[in-house]
Amino acid sequence: MRKVLITLALLVITALPVLATVGGGELTLKNEGGDVVFSHERHVVELEQACLACHPEPFTTIKQHKTVTMKAMETGASCGACHNGTKAFSVKDDCTKCHTK
């Protein structure tokens, strides 16, 4: 019985980082210029960004999300904090990278 409990504990411990990594899944932000689908998996798993890179600043939770203009993003607010053309592609680039119709 003890072996079973130890094995189960090891499985849980090794699985927790993977489960915690992707956290919020995909978020669809409604937008007049075309909805934006934000993928936690793309940013956290594929691009290896830490949750703390975005949370709690510049982003909190979807319930606390405040609308930000493109002009504000172009000066470093919201997505523009990373999507500035240096750290990641610029929010001034091709609109269809983020916005879908």
PDB file of N, CA and C in Angstrom:
ATOM      1  N   MET A   1       0.832  -1.197   0.000  1.00  0.00           N
ATOM      2  CA  MET A   1       0.000   0.000   0.000  1.00  0.00           C
ATOM      3  C   MET A   1       0.876   1.259   0.000  1.00  0.00           C
ATOM      4  N   ARG A   2       1.962   1.188   0.763  1.00  0.00           N
ATOM      5  CA  ARG A   2       2.852   2.347   0.864  1.00  0.00           C
ATOM      6  C   ARG A   2       3.479   2.684  -0.497  1.00  0.00           C
ATOM      7  N   LYS A   3       3.847   1.625  -1.267  1.00  0.00           N
ATOM      8  CA  LYS A   3       4.417   1.830  -2.601  1.00  0.00           C
ATOM      9  C   LYS A   3       3.416   2.530  -3.517  1.00  0.00           C
ATOM     10  N   VAL A   4       2.174   2.137  -3.421  1.00  0.00           N
ATOM     11  CA  VAL A   4       1.124   2.739  -4.241  1.00  0.00           C
ATOM     12  C   VAL A   4       0.970   4.217  -3.905  1.00  0.00           C
ATOM     13  N   LEU A   5       0.954   4.547  -2.630  1.00  0.00           N
ATOM     14  CA  LEU A   5       0.823   5.946  -2.206  1.00  0.00           C
ATOM     15  C   LEU A   5       2.025   6.780  -2.648  1.00  0.00           C
ATOM     16  N   ILE A   6       3.212   6.219  -2.526  1.00  0.00           N
ATOM     17  CA  ILE A   6       4.417   6.938  -2.957  1.00  0.00           C
ATOM     18  C   ILE A   6       4.390   7.160  -4.469  1.00  0.00           C
ATOM     19  N   THR A   7       4.017   6.151  -5.223  1.00  0.00           N
ATOM     20  CA  THR A   7       3.921   6.274  -6.681  1.00  0.00           C
ATOM     21  C   THR A   7       2.884   7.318  -7.061  1.00  0.00           C
ATOM     22  N   LEU A   8       1.743   7.286  -6.421  1.00  0.00           N
ATOM     23  CA  LEU A   8       0.691   8.263  -6.689  1.00  0.00           C
ATOM     24  C   LEU A   8       1.161   9.678  -6.361  1.00  0.00           C
ATOM     25  N   ALA A   9       1.829   9.836  -5.238  1.00  0.00           N
ATOM     26  CA  ALA A   9       2.352  11.146  -4.846  1.00  0.00           C
ATOM     27  C   ALA A   9       3.360  11.654  -5.868  1.00  0.00           C
ATOM     28  N   LEU A  10       4.242  10.787  -6.345  1.00  0.00           N
ATOM     29  CA  LEU A  10       5.222  11.188  -7.362  1.00  0.00           C
ATOM     30  C   LEU A  10       4.552  11.596  -8.667  1.00  0.00           C
ATOM     31  N   LEU A  11       3.519  10.876  -9.060  1.00  0.00           N
ATOM     32  CA  LEU A  11       2.779  11.234 -10.281  1.00  0.00           C
ATOM     33  C   LEU A  11       2.130  12.604 -10.145  1.00  0.00           C
ATOM     34  N   VAL A  12       1.527  12.870  -9.010  1.00  0.00           N
ATOM     35  CA  VAL A  12       0.880  14.165  -8.769  1.00  0.00           C
ATOM     36  C   VAL A  12       1.914  15.278  -8.772  1.00  0.00           C
ATOM     37  N   ILE A  13       3.018  15.071  -8.085  1.00  0.00           N
ATOM     38  CA  ILE A  13       4.064  16.097  -7.999  1.00  0.00           C
ATOM     39  C   ILE A  13       4.647  16.414  -9.364  1.00  0.00           C
ATOM     40  N   THR A  14       4.869  15.401 -10.194  1.00  0.00           N
ATOM     41  CA  THR A  14       5.448  15.646 -11.517  1.00  0.00           C
ATOM     42  C   THR A  14       4.422  16.211 -12.488  1.00  0.00           C
ATOM     43  N   ALA A  15       3.146  15.944 -12.286  1.00  0.00           N
ATOM     44  CA  ALA A  15       2.117  16.448 -13.194  1.00  0.00           C
ATOM     45  C   ALA A  15       1.705  17.879 -12.879  1.00  0.00           C
ATOM     46  N   LEU A  16       1.839  18.310 -11.637  1.00  0.00           N
ATOM     47  CA  LEU A  16       1.385  19.651 -11.251  1.00  0.00           C
ATOM     48  C   LEU A  16       2.035  20.774 -12.043  1.00  0.00           C
ATOM     49  N   PRO A  17       3.345  20.786 -12.266  1.00  0.00           N
ATOM     50  CA  PRO A  17       3.920  21.881 -13.057  1.00  0.00           C
ATOM     51  C   PRO A  17       3.337  21.962 -14.465  1.00  0.00           C
ATOM     52  N   VAL A  18       3.080  20.830 -15.080  1.00  0.00           N
ATOM     53  CA  VAL A  18       2.507  20.831 -16.424  1.00  0.00           C
ATOM     54  C   VAL A  18       1.094  21.387 -16.400  1.00  0.00           C
ATOM     55  N   LEU A  19       0.295  20.975 -15.427  1.00  0.00           N
ATOM     56  CA  LEU A  19      -1.075  21.463 -15.322  1.00  0.00           C
ATOM     57  C   LEU A  19      -1.104  22.942 -14.993  1.00  0.00           C
ATOM     58  N   ALA A  20      -0.203  23.406 -14.163  1.00  0.00           N
ATOM     59  CA  ALA A  20      -0.181  24.806 -13.744  1.00  0.00           C
ATOM     60  C   ALA A  20       0.341  25.715 -14.838  1.00  0.00           C
ATOM     61  N   THR A  21       1.154  25.182 -15.725  1.00  0.00           N
ATOM     62  CA  THR A  21       1.804  25.992 -16.742  1.00  0.00           C
ATOM     63  C   THR A  21       0.811  26.717 -17.636  1.00  0.00           C
ATOM     64  N   VAL A  22      -0.217  26.024 -18.112  1.00  0.00           N
ATOM     65  CA  VAL A  22      -1.093  26.589 -19.122  1.00  0.00           C
ATOM     66  C   VAL A  22      -2.290  27.313 -18.532  1.00  0.00           C
ATOM     67  N   GLY A  23      -2.516  27.181 -17.258  1.00  0.00           N
ATOM     68  CA  GLY A  23      -3.512  27.938 -16.524  1.00  0.00           C
ATOM     69  C   GLY A  23      -4.778  28.353 -17.219  1.00  0.00           C
ATOM     70  N   GLY A  24      -4.782  29.501 -17.881  1.00  0.00           N
ATOM     71  CA  GLY A  24      -6.003  30.121 -18.354  1.00  0.00           C
ATOM     72  C   GLY A  24      -6.542  29.686 -19.697  1.00  0.00           C
ATOM     73  N   GLY A  25      -5.871  28.788 -20.400  1.00  0.00           N
ATOM     74  CA  GLY A  25      -6.357  28.344 -21.702  1.00  0.00           C
ATOM     75  C   GLY A  25      -6.389  29.484 -22.703  1.00  0.00           C
ATOM     76  N   GLU A  26      -7.346  29.439 -23.605  1.00  0.00           N
ATOM     77  CA  GLU A  26      -7.487  30.500 -24.602  1.00  0.00           C
ATOM     78  C   GLU A  26      -8.544  31.492 -24.155  1.00  0.00           C
ATOM     79  N   LEU A  27      -8.261  32.759 -24.342  1.00  0.00           N
ATOM     80  CA  LEU A  27      -9.209  33.825 -24.010  1.00  0.00           C
ATOM     81  C   LEU A  27      -9.576  34.560 -25.285  1.00  0.00           C
ATOM     82  N   THR A  28     -10.861  34.774 -25.509  1.00  0.00           N
ATOM     83  CA  THR A  28     -11.301  35.558 -26.651  1.00  0.00           C
ATOM     84  C   THR A  28     -11.713  36.932 -26.155  1.00  0.00           C
ATOM     85  N   LEU A  29     -11.001  37.935 -26.635  1.00  0.00           N
ATOM     86  CA  LEU A  29     -11.295  39.317 -26.271  1.00  0.00           C
ATOM     87  C   LEU A  29     -12.085  39.934 -27.412  1.00  0.00           C
ATOM     88  N   LYS A  30     -13.324  40.309 -27.137  1.00  0.00           N
ATOM     89  CA  LYS A  30     -14.192  40.886 -28.154  1.00  0.00           C
ATOM     90  C   LYS A  30     -13.675  42.275 -28.532  1.00  0.00           C
ATOM     91  N   ASN A  31     -13.649  42.546 -29.845  1.00  0.00           N
ATOM     92  CA  ASN A  31     -13.072  43.790 -30.318  1.00  0.00           C
ATOM     93  C   ASN A  31     -13.738  44.206 -31.618  1.00  0.00           C
ATOM     94  N   GLU A  32     -14.022  45.486 -31.776  1.00  0.00           N
ATOM     95  CA  GLU A  32     -14.651  45.984 -32.997  1.00  0.00           C
ATOM     96  C   GLU A  32     -13.765  45.759 -34.220  1.00  0.00           C
ATOM     97  N   GLY A  33     -12.455  45.787 -34.034  1.00  0.00           N
ATOM     98  CA  GLY A  33     -11.515  45.579 -35.135  1.00  0.00           C
ATOM     99  C   GLY A  33     -11.301  44.111 -35.454  1.00  0.00           C
ATOM    100  N   GLY A  34     -12.018  43.239 -34.790  1.00  0.00           N
ATOM    101  CA  GLY A  34     -11.876  41.795 -34.939  1.00  0.00           C
ATOM    102  C   GLY A  34     -11.454  41.213 -33.609  1.00  0.00           C
ATOM    103  N   ASP A  35     -12.089  40.134 -33.210  1.00  0.00           N
ATOM    104  CA  ASP A  35     -11.765  39.517 -31.923  1.00  0.00           C
ATOM    105  C   ASP A  35     -10.299  39.119 -31.861  1.00  0.00           C
ATOM    106  N   VAL A  36      -9.757  39.109 -30.650  1.00  0.00           N
ATOM    107  CA  VAL A  36      -8.381  38.675 -30.411  1.00  0.00           C
ATOM    108  C   VAL A  36      -8.445  37.432 -29.545  1.00  0.00           C
ATOM    109  N   VAL A  37      -7.827  36.357 -30.019  1.00  0.00           N
ATOM    110  CA  VAL A  37      -7.763  35.126 -29.241  1.00  0.00           C
ATOM    111  C   VAL A  37      -6.361  35.050 -28.643  1.00  0.00           C
ATOM    112  N   PHE A  38      -6.294  35.107 -27.316  1.00  0.00           N
ATOM    113  CA  PHE A  38      -5.022  35.013 -26.616  1.00  0.00           C
ATOM    114  C   PHE A  38      -4.835  33.581 -26.150  1.00  0.00           C
ATOM    115  N   SER A  39      -3.709  32.981 -26.494  1.00  0.00           N
ATOM    116  CA  SER A  39      -3.410  31.608 -26.111  1.00  0.00           C
ATOM    117  C   SER A  39      -2.372  31.573 -24.997  1.00  0.00           C
ATOM    118  N   HIS A  40      -2.805  31.128 -23.805  1.00  0.00           N
ATOM    119  CA  HIS A  40      -1.852  30.936 -22.719  1.00  0.00           C
ATOM    120  C   HIS A  40      -0.823  29.878 -23.121  1.00  0.00           C
ATOM    121  N   GLU A  41      -1.285  28.801 -23.786  1.00  0.00           N
ATOM    122  CA  GLU A  41      -0.377  27.723 -24.168  1.00  0.00           C
ATOM    123  C   GLU A  41       0.741  28.241 -25.072  1.00  0.00           C
ATOM    124  N   ARG A  42       0.397  29.053 -26.049  1.00  0.00           N
ATOM    125  CA  ARG A  42       1.421  29.597 -26.963  1.00  0.00           C
ATOM    126  C   ARG A  42       2.445  30.420 -26.192  1.00  0.00           C
ATOM    127  N   HIS A  43       1.982  31.288 -25.317  1.00  0.00           N
ATOM    128  CA  HIS A  43       2.890  32.169 -24.587  1.00  0.00           C
ATOM    129  C   HIS A  43       3.686  31.437 -23.502  1.00  0.00           C
ATOM    130  N   VAL A  44       3.034  30.547 -22.760  1.00  0.00           N
ATOM    131  CA  VAL A  44       3.682  29.894 -21.624  1.00  0.00           C
ATOM    132  C   VAL A  44       4.479  28.668 -22.040  1.00  0.00           C
ATOM    133  N   VAL A  45       3.884  27.784 -22.823  1.00  0.00           N
ATOM    134  CA  VAL A  45       4.555  26.532 -23.170  1.00  0.00           C
ATOM    135  C   VAL A  45       5.509  26.732 -24.348  1.00  0.00           C
ATOM    136  N   GLU A  46       4.993  27.216 -25.474  1.00  0.00           N
ATOM    137  CA  GLU A  46       5.825  27.333 -26.670  1.00  0.00           C
ATOM    138  C   GLU A  46       6.897  28.415 -26.540  1.00  0.00           C
ATOM    139  N   LEU A  47       6.538  29.570 -25.989  1.00  0.00           N
ATOM    140  CA  LEU A  47       7.489  30.677 -25.881  1.00  0.00           C
ATOM    141  C   LEU A  47       8.189  30.727 -24.531  1.00  0.00           C
ATOM    142  N   GLU A  48       7.820  29.788 -23.646  1.00  0.00           N
ATOM    143  CA  GLU A  48       8.445  29.622 -22.336  1.00  0.00           C
ATOM    144  C   GLU A  48       8.439  30.898 -21.480  1.00  0.00           C
ATOM    145  N   GLN A  49       7.310  31.588 -21.488  1.00  0.00           N
ATOM    146  CA  GLN A  49       7.145  32.772 -20.654  1.00  0.00           C
ATOM    147  C   GLN A  49       6.592  32.354 -19.295  1.00  0.00           C
ATOM    148  N   ALA A  50       7.103  32.932 -18.245  1.00  0.00           N
ATOM    149  CA  ALA A  50       6.602  32.649 -16.899  1.00  0.00           C
ATOM    150  C   ALA A  50       5.277  33.375 -16.691  1.00  0.00           C
ATOM    151  N   CYS A  51       4.395  32.795 -15.909  1.00  0.00           N
ATOM    152  CA  CYS A  51       3.117  33.449 -15.599  1.00  0.00           C
ATOM    153  C   CYS A  51       3.357  34.848 -15.022  1.00  0.00           C
ATOM    154  N   LEU A  52       4.405  34.965 -14.197  1.00  0.00           N
ATOM    155  CA  LEU A  52       4.706  36.238 -13.550  1.00  0.00           C
ATOM    156  C   LEU A  52       5.208  37.303 -14.532  1.00  0.00           C
ATOM    157  N   ALA A  53       5.512  36.914 -15.758  1.00  0.00           N
ATOM    158  CA  ALA A  53       5.908  37.900 -16.763  1.00  0.00           C
ATOM    159  C   ALA A  53       4.724  38.813 -17.106  1.00  0.00           C
ATOM    160  N   CYS A  54       3.510  38.299 -16.949  1.00  0.00           N
ATOM    161  CA  CYS A  54       2.306  39.073 -17.290  1.00  0.00           C
ATOM    162  C   CYS A  54       1.383  39.317 -16.099  1.00  0.00           C
ATOM    163  N   HIS A  55       1.437  38.449 -15.123  1.00  0.00           N
ATOM    164  CA  HIS A  55       0.529  38.547 -13.974  1.00  0.00           C
ATOM    165  C   HIS A  55       1.293  38.848 -12.703  1.00  0.00           C
ATOM    166  N   PRO A  56       0.891  39.789 -11.905  1.00  0.00           N
ATOM    167  CA  PRO A  56      -0.336  40.569 -11.995  1.00  0.00           C
ATOM    168  C   PRO A  56      -0.210  41.819 -12.859  1.00  0.00           C
ATOM    169  N   GLU A  57       0.972  42.151 -13.362  1.00  0.00           N
ATOM    170  CA  GLU A  57       1.114  43.312 -14.247  1.00  0.00           C
ATOM    171  C   GLU A  57       1.767  42.894 -15.542  1.00  0.00           C
ATOM    172  N   PRO A  58       1.320  43.313 -16.685  1.00  0.00           N
ATOM    173  CA  PRO A  58       0.277  44.301 -16.914  1.00  0.00           C
ATOM    174  C   PRO A  58      -1.135  43.726 -16.901  1.00  0.00           C
ATOM    175  N   PHE A  59      -1.273  42.398 -16.727  1.00  0.00           N
ATOM    176  CA  PHE A  59      -2.605  41.787 -16.770  1.00  0.00           C
ATOM    177  C   PHE A  59      -3.002  41.218 -15.422  1.00  0.00           C
ATOM    178  N   THR A  60      -4.273  41.316 -15.106  1.00  0.00           N
ATOM    179  CA  THR A  60      -4.790  40.727 -13.876  1.00  0.00           C
ATOM    180  C   THR A  60      -5.600  39.494 -14.274  1.00  0.00           C
ATOM    181  N   THR A  61      -6.899  39.572 -14.202  1.00  0.00           N
ATOM    182  CA  THR A  61      -7.758  38.462 -14.607  1.00  0.00           C
ATOM    183  C   THR A  61      -8.720  38.963 -15.671  1.00  0.00           C
ATOM    184  N   ILE A  62      -9.381  38.042 -16.333  1.00  0.00           N
ATOM    185  CA  ILE A  62     -10.331  38.419 -17.390  1.00  0.00           C
ATOM    186  C   ILE A  62     -11.469  39.258 -16.804  1.00  0.00           C
ATOM    187  N   LYS A  63     -11.850  38.991 -15.552  1.00  0.00           N
ATOM    188  CA  LYS A  63     -12.913  39.770 -14.919  1.00  0.00           C
ATOM    189  C   LYS A  63     -12.464  41.196 -14.623  1.00  0.00           C
ATOM    190  N   GLN A  64     -11.171  41.383 -14.382  1.00  0.00           N
ATOM    191  CA  GLN A  64     -10.639  42.705 -14.068  1.00  0.00           C
ATOM    192  C   GLN A  64     -10.072  43.413 -15.295  1.00  0.00           C
ATOM    193  N   HIS A  65     -10.139  42.742 -16.451  1.00  0.00           N
ATOM    194  CA  HIS A  65      -9.581  43.288 -17.692  1.00  0.00           C
ATOM    195  C   HIS A  65     -10.221  44.623 -18.053  1.00  0.00           C
ATOM    196  N   LYS A  66      -9.397  45.564 -18.426  1.00  0.00           N
ATOM    197  CA  LYS A  66      -9.887  46.860 -18.882  1.00  0.00           C
ATOM    198  C   LYS A  66      -9.524  47.032 -20.351  1.00  0.00           C
ATOM    199  N   THR A  67     -10.433  47.594 -21.119  1.00  0.00           N
ATOM    200  CA  THR A  67     -10.186  47.827 -22.537  1.00  0.00           C
ATOM    201  C   THR A  67      -9.038  48.816 -22.704  1.00  0.00           C
ATOM    202  N   VAL A  68      -8.136  48.491 -23.609  1.00  0.00           N
ATOM    203  CA  VAL A  68      -6.983  49.340 -23.888  1.00  0.00           C
ATOM    204  C   VAL A  68      -6.990  49.649 -25.383  1.00  0.00           C
ATOM    205  N   THR A  69      -6.744  50.886 -25.733  1.00  0.00           N
ATOM    206  CA  THR A  69      -6.725  51.278 -27.147  1.00  0.00           C
ATOM    207  C   THR A  69      -5.424  50.835 -27.814  1.00  0.00           C
ATOM    208  N   MET A  70      -5.445  50.757 -29.138  1.00  0.00           N
ATOM    209  CA  MET A  70      -4.238  50.440 -29.885  1.00  0.00           C
ATOM    210  C   MET A  70      -3.189  51.524 -29.665  1.00  0.00           C
ATOM    211  N   LYS A  71      -3.627  52.762 -29.576  1.00  0.00           N
ATOM    212  CA  LYS A  71      -2.692  53.860 -29.336  1.00  0.00           C
ATOM    213  C   LYS A  71      -1.948  53.650 -28.012  1.00  0.00           C
ATOM    214  N   ALA A  72      -2.672  53.228 -26.976  1.00  0.00           N
ATOM    215  CA  ALA A  72      -2.042  52.964 -25.683  1.00  0.00           C
ATOM    216  C   ALA A  72      -1.078  51.779 -25.785  1.00  0.00           C
ATOM    217  N   MET A  73      -1.471  50.742 -26.528  1.00  0.00           N
ATOM    218  CA  MET A  73      -0.585  49.590 -26.711  1.00  0.00           C
ATOM    219  C   MET A  73       0.695  49.990 -27.441  1.00  0.00           C
ATOM    220  N   GLU A  74       0.567  50.888 -28.394  1.00  0.00           N
ATOM    221  CA  GLU A  74       1.735  51.348 -29.150  1.00  0.00           C
ATOM    222  C   GLU A  74       2.733  52.086 -28.261  1.00  0.00           C
ATOM    223  N   THR A  75       2.282  52.547 -27.094  1.00  0.00           N
ATOM    224  CA  THR A  75       3.191  53.220 -26.163  1.00  0.00           C
ATOM    225  C   THR A  75       3.547  52.322 -24.970  1.00  0.00           C
ATOM    226  N   GLY A  76       3.260  51.016 -25.088  1.00  0.00           N
ATOM    227  CA  GLY A  76       3.696  50.065 -24.079  1.00  0.00           C
ATOM    228  C   GLY A  76       2.657  49.557 -23.108  1.00  0.00           C
ATOM    229  N   ALA A  77       1.405  49.935 -23.260  1.00  0.00           N
ATOM    230  CA  ALA A  77       0.353  49.427 -22.370  1.00  0.00           C
ATOM    231  C   ALA A  77      -0.085  48.034 -22.823  1.00  0.00           C
ATOM    232  N   SER A  78      -0.586  47.259 -21.908  1.00  0.00           N
ATOM    233  CA  SER A  78      -1.192  45.962 -22.196  1.00  0.00           C
ATOM    234  C   SER A  78      -0.248  45.084 -23.029  1.00  0.00           C
ATOM    235  N   CYS A  79      -0.725  44.554 -24.144  1.00  0.00           N
ATOM    236  CA  CYS A  79       0.078  43.679 -25.008  1.00  0.00           C
ATOM    237  C   CYS A  79       1.337  44.381 -25.510  1.00  0.00           C
ATOM    238  N   GLY A  80       1.254  45.704 -25.646  1.00  0.00           N
ATOM    239  CA  GLY A  80       2.379  46.487 -26.133  1.00  0.00           C
ATOM    240  C   GLY A  80       3.584  46.476 -25.211  1.00  0.00           C
ATOM    241  N   ALA A  81       3.412  45.997 -23.983  1.00  0.00           N
ATOM    242  CA  ALA A  81       4.545  45.895 -23.059  1.00  0.00           C
ATOM    243  C   ALA A  81       5.606  44.945 -23.623  1.00  0.00           C
ATOM    244  N   CYS A  82       5.177  43.886 -24.283  1.00  0.00           N
ATOM    245  CA  CYS A  82       6.115  42.943 -24.914  1.00  0.00           C
ATOM    246  C   CYS A  82       6.108  43.069 -26.436  1.00  0.00           C
ATOM    247  N   HIS A  83       4.923  43.309 -26.986  1.00  0.00           N
ATOM    248  CA  HIS A  83       4.799  43.387 -28.444  1.00  0.00           C
ATOM    249  C   HIS A  83       5.163  44.793 -28.904  1.00  0.00           C
ATOM    250  N   ASN A  84       6.479  45.066 -28.811  1.00  0.00           N
ATOM    251  CA  ASN A  84       7.009  46.397 -29.108  1.00  0.00           C
ATOM    252  C   ASN A  84       7.990  46.395 -30.276  1.00  0.00           C
ATOM    253  N   GLY A  85       8.135  45.248 -30.938  1.00  0.00           N
ATOM    254  CA  GLY A  85       9.059  45.143 -32.058  1.00  0.00           C
ATOM    255  C   GLY A  85      10.452  44.721 -31.635  1.00  0.00           C
ATOM    256  N   THR A  86      10.722  44.692 -30.334  1.00  0.00           N
ATOM    257  CA  THR A  86      12.021  44.268 -29.825  1.00  0.00           C
ATOM    258  C   THR A  86      11.893  42.910 -29.135  1.00  0.00           C
ATOM    259  N   LYS A  87      11.055  42.848 -28.126  1.00  0.00           N
ATOM    260  CA  LYS A  87      10.859  41.600 -27.384  1.00  0.00           C
ATOM    261  C   LYS A  87      10.000  40.621 -28.188  1.00  0.00           C
ATOM    262  N   ALA A  88       8.998  41.139 -28.859  1.00  0.00           N
ATOM    263  CA  ALA A  88       8.102  40.339 -29.705  1.00  0.00           C
ATOM    264  C   ALA A  88       7.632  41.245 -30.845  1.00  0.00           C
ATOM    265  N   PHE A  89       6.953  40.664 -31.825  1.00  0.00           N
ATOM    266  CA  PHE A  89       6.492  41.487 -32.941  1.00  0.00           C
ATOM    267  C   PHE A  89       5.690  42.676 -32.432  1.00  0.00           C
ATOM    268  N   SER A  90       5.729  43.754 -33.157  1.00  0.00           N
ATOM    269  CA  SER A  90       5.083  44.991 -32.725  1.00  0.00           C
ATOM    270  C   SER A  90       3.576  44.964 -32.945  1.00  0.00           C
ATOM    271  N   VAL A  91       2.850  45.631 -32.055  1.00  0.00           N
ATOM    272  CA  VAL A  91       1.400  45.774 -32.238  1.00  0.00           C
ATOM    273  C   VAL A  91       1.112  46.651 -33.453  1.00  0.00           C
ATOM    274  N   LYS A  92       2.122  47.314 -33.978  1.00  0.00           N
ATOM    275  CA  LYS A  92       1.964  48.154 -35.170  1.00  0.00           C
ATOM    276  C   LYS A  92       2.065  47.319 -36.448  1.00  0.00           C
ATOM    277  N   ASP A  93       2.484  46.040 -36.323  1.00  0.00           N
ATOM    278  CA  ASP A  93       2.630  45.167 -37.481  1.00  0.00           C
ATOM    279  C   ASP A  93       1.268  44.771 -38.041  1.00  0.00           C
ATOM    280  N   ASP A  94       1.268  43.765 -38.846  1.00  0.00           N
ATOM    281  CA  ASP A  94       0.080  43.206 -39.486  1.00  0.00           C
ATOM    282  C   ASP A  94      -1.035  42.928 -38.468  1.00  0.00           C
ATOM    283  N   CYS A  95      -2.160  43.616 -38.591  1.00  0.00           N
ATOM    284  CA  CYS A  95      -3.297  43.486 -37.654  1.00  0.00           C
ATOM    285  C   CYS A  95      -3.823  42.054 -37.561  1.00  0.00           C
ATOM    286  N   THR A  96      -3.725  41.299 -38.676  1.00  0.00           N
ATOM    287  CA  THR A  96      -4.290  39.952 -38.695  1.00  0.00           C
ATOM    288  C   THR A  96      -3.491  38.955 -37.856  1.00  0.00           C
ATOM    289  N   LYS A  97      -2.331  39.348 -37.324  1.00  0.00           N
ATOM    290  CA  LYS A  97      -1.600  38.458 -36.418  1.00  0.00           C
ATOM    291  C   LYS A  97      -2.401  38.261 -35.126  1.00  0.00           C
ATOM    292  N   CYS A  98      -3.183  39.248 -34.750  1.00  0.00           N
ATOM    293  CA  CYS A  98      -3.956  39.163 -33.501  1.00  0.00           C
ATOM    294  C   CYS A  98      -5.452  39.218 -33.732  1.00  0.00           C
ATOM    295  N   HIS A  99      -5.899  40.076 -34.636  1.00  0.00           N
ATOM    296  CA  HIS A  99      -7.331  40.301 -34.849  1.00  0.00           C
ATOM    297  C   HIS A  99      -7.880  39.381 -35.937  1.00  0.00           C
ATOM    298  N   THR A 100      -9.030  38.762 -35.622  1.00  0.00           N
ATOM    299  CA  THR A 100      -9.712  37.901 -36.598  1.00  0.00           C
ATOM    300  C   THR A 100     -11.075  38.508 -36.886  1.00  0.00           C
ATOM    301  N   LYS A 101     -11.563  38.297 -38.054  1.00  0.00           N
ATOM    302  CA  LYS A 101     -12.907  38.780 -38.424  1.00  0.00           C
ATOM    303  C   LYS A 101     -13.905  37.664 -38.308  1.00  0.00           C
TER     304      LYS A 101
END
